[in-house]
Amino acid sequence: MNSMYGFRTFYTGGDLAAKKCVSCDSKDMRPMTEESAMEIMSKVPGWNLVNEDGMLKLNQSWKLKSFIKGLELFQLVGSVAESEGHHPDLHLVGWNNVKIEIWTHAVGGLTENDFILAAKINGLDLHHLLRNKVSASAT
Protein backbone atom coordinates (compact mmCIF):
# COMPACT_ATOMS: atom_id res chain seq x y z
CA MET A 1 0.00 0.00 0.00
CA ASN A 2 1.33 3.42 -0.91
CA SER A 3 1.35 5.88 1.92
CA MET A 4 2.28 9.44 2.68
CA TYR A 5 2.97 10.44 6.26
CA GLY A 6 1.61 7.06 7.39
CA PHE A 7 -1.81 7.58 5.81
CA ARG A 8 -3.33 5.62 2.94
CA THR A 9 -2.96 7.53 -0.31
CA PHE A 10 -6.08 8.17 -2.28
CA TYR A 11 -5.34 6.64 -5.65
CA THR A 12 -3.08 3.65 -5.88
CA GLY A 13 -3.14 3.40 -9.68
CA GLY A 14 -4.49 0.76 -12.00
CA ASP A 15 -7.97 -0.05 -13.28
CA LEU A 16 -10.45 1.28 -10.74
CA ALA A 17 -13.25 -1.06 -11.83
CA ALA A 18 -11.02 -4.07 -11.09
CA LYS A 19 -10.36 -2.94 -7.52
CA LYS A 20 -12.34 -3.67 -4.38
CA CYS A 21 -13.43 -1.02 -1.88
CA VAL A 22 -11.62 -1.19 1.46
CA SER A 23 -13.18 -0.83 4.88
CA CYS A 24 -14.03 2.78 5.70
CA ASP A 25 -13.34 2.36 9.41
CA SER A 26 -9.59 2.58 8.93
CA LYS A 27 -7.97 5.30 11.03
CA ASP A 28 -5.48 5.72 8.18
CA MET A 29 -8.15 6.88 5.74
CA ARG A 30 -8.40 10.62 5.07
CA PRO A 31 -10.45 12.61 2.53
CA MET A 32 -8.56 13.54 -0.61
CA THR A 33 -7.88 17.08 -1.68
CA GLU A 34 -9.64 18.64 -4.65
CA GLU A 35 -6.33 18.55 -6.54
CA SER A 36 -5.98 14.79 -5.92
CA ALA A 37 -9.57 14.19 -7.01
CA MET A 38 -9.12 16.21 -10.20
CA GLU A 39 -6.13 14.05 -11.14
CA ILE A 40 -8.29 10.92 -11.39
CA MET A 41 -11.58 12.35 -12.67
CA SER A 42 -10.68 11.16 -16.18
CA LYS A 43 -10.90 7.58 -14.86
CA VAL A 44 -14.64 8.02 -14.18
CA PRO A 45 -16.14 9.67 -17.28
CA GLY A 46 -19.62 11.13 -16.86
CA TRP A 47 -19.16 11.84 -13.16
CA ASN A 48 -18.94 15.37 -11.79
CA LEU A 49 -16.77 16.58 -8.94
CA VAL A 50 -18.78 18.85 -6.67
CA ASN A 51 -17.89 20.76 -3.53
CA GLU A 52 -20.84 21.03 -1.14
CA ASP A 53 -19.95 23.22 1.82
CA GLY A 54 -16.33 22.10 1.74
CA MET A 55 -17.14 18.40 1.23
CA LEU A 56 -16.11 16.85 -2.09
CA LYS A 57 -18.54 14.43 -3.74
CA LEU A 58 -19.00 12.70 -7.07
CA ASN A 59 -22.37 12.86 -8.76
CA GLN A 60 -24.02 11.84 -11.99
CA SER A 61 -27.56 12.25 -13.31
CA TRP A 62 -29.58 10.17 -15.73
CA LYS A 63 -32.98 10.58 -17.37
CA LEU A 64 -34.78 7.24 -17.44
CA LYS A 65 -37.53 5.87 -19.67
CA SER A 66 -39.93 5.55 -16.72
CA PHE A 67 -40.28 5.56 -12.95
CA ILE A 68 -39.95 1.76 -12.93
CA LYS A 69 -36.71 2.00 -14.95
CA GLY A 70 -35.38 4.35 -12.25
CA LEU A 71 -36.10 1.71 -9.63
CA GLU A 72 -34.38 -0.89 -11.83
CA LEU A 73 -31.30 1.35 -11.98
CA PHE A 74 -31.36 1.53 -8.17
CA GLN A 75 -31.48 -2.29 -8.03
CA LEU A 76 -28.43 -2.59 -10.30
CA VAL A 77 -26.44 0.06 -8.44
CA GLY A 78 -27.57 -1.33 -5.08
CA SER A 79 -26.24 -4.77 -5.97
CA VAL A 80 -22.81 -3.33 -6.82
CA ALA A 81 -22.83 -1.16 -3.69
CA GLU A 82 -23.66 -4.12 -1.46
CA SER A 83 -20.91 -6.27 -2.96
CA GLU A 84 -18.42 -3.43 -2.39
CA GLY A 85 -19.69 -2.50 1.08
CA HIS A 86 -19.80 1.13 -0.07
CA HIS A 87 -23.16 2.84 -0.49
CA PRO A 88 -24.05 5.93 -2.54
CA ASP A 89 -26.95 8.29 -2.03
CA LEU A 90 -29.66 7.52 -4.59
CA HIS A 91 -32.25 10.13 -5.60
CA LEU A 92 -35.28 9.60 -7.85
CA VAL A 93 -36.77 13.01 -8.54
CA GLY A 94 -39.93 13.53 -10.52
CA TRP A 95 -40.90 10.38 -12.26
CA ASN A 96 -37.73 9.64 -14.24
CA ASN A 97 -34.73 11.69 -13.07
CA VAL A 98 -32.05 9.83 -11.14
CA LYS A 99 -29.08 11.38 -9.41
CA ILE A 100 -26.40 9.40 -7.63
CA GLU A 101 -24.00 11.01 -5.16
CA ILE A 102 -20.93 9.21 -3.90
CA TRP A 103 -18.61 10.15 -1.07
CA THR A 104 -17.15 8.43 1.95
CA HIS A 105 -19.40 9.41 4.83
CA ALA A 106 -16.91 8.12 7.43
CA VAL A 107 -14.26 10.67 6.40
CA GLY A 108 -16.52 13.47 5.18
CA GLY A 109 -15.20 13.55 1.64
CA LEU A 110 -13.77 11.51 -1.22
CA THR A 111 -11.50 8.47 -1.04
CA GLU A 112 -10.37 5.97 -3.64
CA ASN A 113 -13.44 3.87 -2.69
CA ASP A 114 -15.70 6.50 -4.25
CA PHE A 115 -13.87 6.37 -7.55
CA ILE A 116 -13.89 2.55 -7.48
CA LEU A 117 -17.67 2.55 -7.00
CA ALA A 118 -18.17 5.17 -9.73
CA ALA A 119 -16.05 3.08 -12.14
CA LYS A 120 -18.07 -0.04 -11.33
CA ILE A 121 -21.34 1.85 -11.90
CA ASN A 122 -19.92 3.04 -15.23
CA GLY A 123 -19.40 -0.63 -16.11
CA LEU A 124 -23.11 -1.45 -15.72
CA ASP A 125 -25.21 -1.81 -18.87
CA LEU A 126 -27.83 0.89 -18.35
CA HIS A 127 -28.76 1.58 -21.98
CA HIS A 128 -32.07 -0.28 -21.76
CA LEU A 129 -33.10 2.00 -18.88
CA LEU A 130 -32.07 5.38 -20.26
CA ARG A 131 -34.35 7.79 -22.05
CA ASN A 132 -31.46 9.86 -23.41
CA LYS A 133 -27.71 9.77 -23.29
CA VAL A 134 -26.13 10.08 -19.84
CA SER A 135 -26.09 13.68 -18.64
CA ALA A 136 -22.65 14.99 -17.76
CA SER A 137 -23.97 18.17 -16.15
CA ALA A 138 -24.18 18.61 -12.42
CA THR A 139 -27.68 19.15 -11.09
C-alpha atoms as a PDB file:
ATOM      1  CA  MET A   1       0.000   0.000   0.000  1.00  0.00           C
ATOM      2  CA  ASN A   2       1.330   3.425  -0.907  1.00  0.00           C
ATOM      3  CA  SER A   3       1.353   5.880   1.924  1.00  0.00           C
ATOM      4  CA  MET A   4       2.284   9.435   2.683  1.00  0.00           C
ATOM      5  CA  TYR A   5       2.970  10.445   6.262  1.00  0.00           C
ATOM      6  CA  GLY A   6       1.613   7.064   7.386  1.00  0.00           C
ATOM      7  CA  PHE A   7      -1.815   7.581   5.806  1.00  0.00           C
ATOM      8  CA  ARG A   8      -3.328   5.618   2.941  1.00  0.00           C
ATOM      9  CA  THR A   9      -2.963   7.532  -0.308  1.00  0.00           C
ATOM     10  CA  PHE A  10      -6.082   8.173  -2.281  1.00  0.00           C
ATOM     11  CA  TYR A  11      -5.342   6.644  -5.651  1.00  0.00           C
ATOM     12  CA  THR A  12      -3.080   3.651  -5.881  1.00  0.00           C
ATOM     13  CA  GLY A  13      -3.136   3.403  -9.682  1.00  0.00           C
ATOM     14  CA  GLY A  14      -4.493   0.757 -12.005  1.00  0.00           C
ATOM     15  CA  ASP A  15      -7.968  -0.049 -13.284  1.00  0.00           C
ATOM     16  CA  LEU A  16     -10.450   1.284 -10.738  1.00  0.00           C
ATOM     17  CA  ALA A  17     -13.248  -1.064 -11.829  1.00  0.00           C
ATOM     18  CA  ALA A  18     -11.017  -4.072 -11.094  1.00  0.00           C
ATOM     19  CA  LYS A  19     -10.360  -2.935  -7.525  1.00  0.00           C
ATOM     20  CA  LYS A  20     -12.343  -3.671  -4.377  1.00  0.00           C
ATOM     21  CA  CYS A  21     -13.432  -1.024  -1.880  1.00  0.00           C
ATOM     22  CA  VAL A  22     -11.623  -1.189   1.459  1.00  0.00           C
ATOM     23  CA  SER A  23     -13.176  -0.832   4.882  1.00  0.00           C
ATOM     24  CA  CYS A  24     -14.032   2.778   5.705  1.00  0.00           C
ATOM     25  CA  ASP A  25     -13.341   2.356   9.412  1.00  0.00           C
ATOM     26  CA  SER A  26      -9.589   2.576   8.932  1.00  0.00           C
ATOM     27  CA  LYS A  27      -7.975   5.298  11.027  1.00  0.00           C
ATOM     28  CA  ASP A  28      -5.484   5.719   8.180  1.00  0.00           C
ATOM     29  CA  MET A  29      -8.155   6.884   5.738  1.00  0.00           C
ATOM     30  CA  ARG A  30      -8.404  10.617   5.068  1.00  0.00           C
ATOM     31  CA  PRO A  31     -10.448  12.611   2.534  1.00  0.00           C
ATOM     32  CA  MET A  32      -8.563  13.538  -0.606  1.00  0.00           C
ATOM     33  CA  THR A  33      -7.882  17.078  -1.682  1.00  0.00           C
ATOM     34  CA  GLU A  34      -9.639  18.636  -4.650  1.00  0.00           C
ATOM     35  CA  GLU A  35      -6.333  18.548  -6.540  1.00  0.00           C
ATOM     36  CA  SER A  36      -5.979  14.793  -5.923  1.00  0.00           C
ATOM     37  CA  ALA A  37      -9.570  14.191  -7.008  1.00  0.00           C
ATOM     38  CA  MET A  38      -9.115  16.207 -10.203  1.00  0.00           C
ATOM     39  CA  GLU A  39      -6.126  14.053 -11.144  1.00  0.00           C
ATOM     40  CA  ILE A  40      -8.289  10.924 -11.395  1.00  0.00           C
ATOM     41  CA  MET A  41     -11.579  12.352 -12.672  1.00  0.00           C
ATOM     42  CA  SER A  42     -10.677  11.164 -16.183  1.00  0.00           C
ATOM     43  CA  LYS A  43     -10.899   7.580 -14.857  1.00  0.00           C
ATOM     44  CA  VAL A  44     -14.643   8.017 -14.184  1.00  0.00           C
ATOM     45  CA  PRO A  45     -16.144   9.673 -17.284  1.00  0.00           C
ATOM     46  CA  GLY A  46     -19.617  11.127 -16.858  1.00  0.00           C
ATOM     47  CA  TRP A  47     -19.159  11.839 -13.157  1.00  0.00           C
ATOM     48  CA  ASN A  48     -18.941  15.371 -11.789  1.00  0.00           C
ATOM     49  CA  LEU A  49     -16.767  16.583  -8.944  1.00  0.00           C
ATOM     50  CA  VAL A  50     -18.783  18.849  -6.668  1.00  0.00           C
ATOM     51  CA  ASN A  51     -17.895  20.755  -3.534  1.00  0.00           C
ATOM     52  CA  GLU A  52     -20.836  21.032  -1.144  1.00  0.00           C
ATOM     53  CA  ASP A  53     -19.954  23.225   1.816  1.00  0.00           C
ATOM     54  CA  GLY A  54     -16.329  22.097   1.739  1.00  0.00           C
ATOM     55  CA  MET A  55     -17.143  18.400   1.228  1.00  0.00           C
ATOM     56  CA  LEU A  56     -16.108  16.850  -2.087  1.00  0.00           C
ATOM     57  CA  LYS A  57     -18.540  14.428  -3.740  1.00  0.00           C
ATOM     58  CA  LEU A  58     -18.999  12.695  -7.068  1.00  0.00           C
ATOM     59  CA  ASN A  59     -22.371  12.856  -8.764  1.00  0.00           C
ATOM     60  CA  GLN A  60     -24.015  11.845 -11.993  1.00  0.00           C
ATOM     61  CA  SER A  61     -27.556  12.254 -13.311  1.00  0.00           C
ATOM     62  CA  TRP A  62     -29.584  10.172 -15.729  1.00  0.00           C
ATOM     63  CA  LYS A  63     -32.976  10.579 -17.373  1.00  0.00           C
ATOM     64  CA  LEU A  64     -34.784   7.244 -17.444  1.00  0.00           C
ATOM     65  CA  LYS A  65     -37.534   5.865 -19.665  1.00  0.00           C
ATOM     66  CA  SER A  66     -39.929   5.553 -16.716  1.00  0.00           C
ATOM     67  CA  PHE A  67     -40.277   5.564 -12.948  1.00  0.00           C
ATOM     68  CA  ILE A  68     -39.948   1.763 -12.928  1.00  0.00           C
ATOM     69  CA  LYS A  69     -36.706   2.002 -14.950  1.00  0.00           C
ATOM     70  CA  GLY A  70     -35.381   4.347 -12.248  1.00  0.00           C
ATOM     71  CA  LEU A  71     -36.101   1.709  -9.632  1.00  0.00           C
ATOM     72  CA  GLU A  72     -34.378  -0.887 -11.826  1.00  0.00           C
ATOM     73  CA  LEU A  73     -31.296   1.348 -11.976  1.00  0.00           C
ATOM     74  CA  PHE A  74     -31.356   1.535  -8.166  1.00  0.00           C
ATOM     75  CA  GLN A  75     -31.476  -2.287  -8.030  1.00  0.00           C
ATOM     76  CA  LEU A  76     -28.430  -2.591 -10.301  1.00  0.00           C
ATOM     77  CA  VAL A  77     -26.441   0.060  -8.438  1.00  0.00           C
ATOM     78  CA  GLY A  78     -27.573  -1.329  -5.085  1.00  0.00           C
ATOM     79  CA  SER A  79     -26.241  -4.767  -5.966  1.00  0.00           C
ATOM     80  CA  VAL A  80     -22.811  -3.331  -6.822  1.00  0.00           C
ATOM     81  CA  ALA A  81     -22.831  -1.156  -3.688  1.00  0.00           C
ATOM     82  CA  GLU A  82     -23.663  -4.125  -1.461  1.00  0.00           C
ATOM     83  CA  SER A  83     -20.910  -6.269  -2.959  1.00  0.00           C
ATOM     84  CA  GLU A  84     -18.425  -3.427  -2.390  1.00  0.00           C
ATOM     85  CA  GLY A  85     -19.690  -2.497   1.078  1.00  0.00           C
ATOM     86  CA  HIS A  86     -19.798   1.130  -0.070  1.00  0.00           C
ATOM     87  CA  HIS A  87     -23.155   2.836  -0.494  1.00  0.00           C
ATOM     88  CA  PRO A  88     -24.046   5.933  -2.540  1.00  0.00           C
ATOM     89  CA  ASP A  89     -26.951   8.294  -2.031  1.00  0.00           C
ATOM     90  CA  LEU A  90     -29.662   7.523  -4.587  1.00  0.00           C
ATOM     91  CA  HIS A  91     -32.250  10.130  -5.598  1.00  0.00           C
ATOM     92  CA  LEU A  92     -35.283   9.599  -7.846  1.00  0.00           C
ATOM     93  CA  VAL A  93     -36.774  13.012  -8.537  1.00  0.00           C
ATOM     94  CA  GLY A  94     -39.930  13.527 -10.522  1.00  0.00           C
ATOM     95  CA  TRP A  95     -40.900  10.375 -12.260  1.00  0.00           C
ATOM     96  CA  ASN A  96     -37.734   9.640 -14.237  1.00  0.00           C
ATOM     97  CA  ASN A  97     -34.733  11.694 -13.073  1.00  0.00           C
ATOM     98  CA  VAL A  98     -32.054   9.828 -11.140  1.00  0.00           C
ATOM     99  CA  LYS A  99     -29.080  11.384  -9.410  1.00  0.00           C
ATOM    100  CA  ILE A 100     -26.402   9.395  -7.625  1.00  0.00           C
ATOM    101  CA  GLU A 101     -24.005  11.005  -5.162  1.00  0.00           C
ATOM    102  CA  ILE A 102     -20.925   9.208  -3.899  1.00  0.00           C
ATOM    103  CA  TRP A 103     -18.607  10.154  -1.073  1.00  0.00           C
ATOM    104  CA  THR A 104     -17.146   8.432   1.950  1.00  0.00           C
ATOM    105  CA  HIS A 105     -19.396   9.409   4.825  1.00  0.00           C
ATOM    106  CA  ALA A 106     -16.910   8.120   7.427  1.00  0.00           C
ATOM    107  CA  VAL A 107     -14.258  10.668   6.401  1.00  0.00           C
ATOM    108  CA  GLY A 108     -16.525  13.468   5.182  1.00  0.00           C
ATOM    109  CA  GLY A 109     -15.196  13.547   1.637  1.00  0.00           C
ATOM    110  CA  LEU A 110     -13.766  11.510  -1.216  1.00  0.00           C
ATOM    111  CA  THR A 111     -11.504   8.474  -1.045  1.00  0.00           C
ATOM    112  CA  GLU A 112     -10.375   5.970  -3.642  1.00  0.00           C
ATOM    113  CA  ASN A 113     -13.443   3.871  -2.692  1.00  0.00           C
ATOM    114  CA  ASP A 114     -15.703   6.499  -4.249  1.00  0.00           C
ATOM    115  CA  PHE A 115     -13.871   6.365  -7.554  1.00  0.00           C
ATOM    116  CA  ILE A 116     -13.895   2.550  -7.482  1.00  0.00           C
ATOM    117  CA  LEU A 117     -17.672   2.545  -6.999  1.00  0.00           C
ATOM    118  CA  ALA A 118     -18.172   5.171  -9.734  1.00  0.00           C
ATOM    119  CA  ALA A 119     -16.050   3.082 -12.137  1.00  0.00           C
ATOM    120  CA  LYS A 120     -18.069  -0.035 -11.326  1.00  0.00           C
ATOM    121  CA  ILE A 121     -21.336   1.854 -11.901  1.00  0.00           C
ATOM    122  CA  ASN A 122     -19.921   3.039 -15.231  1.00  0.00           C
ATOM    123  CA  GLY A 123     -19.404  -0.628 -16.113  1.00  0.00           C
ATOM    124  CA  LEU A 124     -23.106  -1.449 -15.722  1.00  0.00           C
ATOM    125  CA  ASP A 125     -25.209  -1.814 -18.875  1.00  0.00           C
ATOM    126  CA  LEU A 126     -27.828   0.890 -18.349  1.00  0.00           C
ATOM    127  CA  HIS A 127     -28.755   1.576 -21.976  1.00  0.00           C
ATOM    128  CA  HIS A 128     -32.065  -0.285 -21.765  1.00  0.00           C
ATOM    129  CA  LEU A 129     -33.102   2.003 -18.883  1.00  0.00           C
ATOM    130  CA  LEU A 130     -32.068   5.381 -20.259  1.00  0.00           C
ATOM    131  CA  ARG A 131     -34.346   7.788 -22.051  1.00  0.00           C
ATOM    132  CA  ASN A 132     -31.458   9.858 -23.408  1.00  0.00           C
ATOM    133  CA  LYS A 133     -27.707   9.769 -23.289  1.00  0.00           C
ATOM    134  CA  VAL A 134     -26.134  10.076 -19.836  1.00  0.00           C
ATOM    135  CA  SER A 135     -26.092  13.677 -18.641  1.00  0.00           C
ATOM    136  CA  ALA A 136     -22.649  14.991 -17.756  1.00  0.00           C
ATOM    137  CA  SER A 137     -23.966  18.165 -16.154  1.00  0.00           C
ATOM    138  CA  ALA A 138     -24.185  18.611 -12.421  1.00  0.00           C
ATOM    139  CA  THR A 139     -27.681  19.149 -11.092  1.00  0.00           C
END
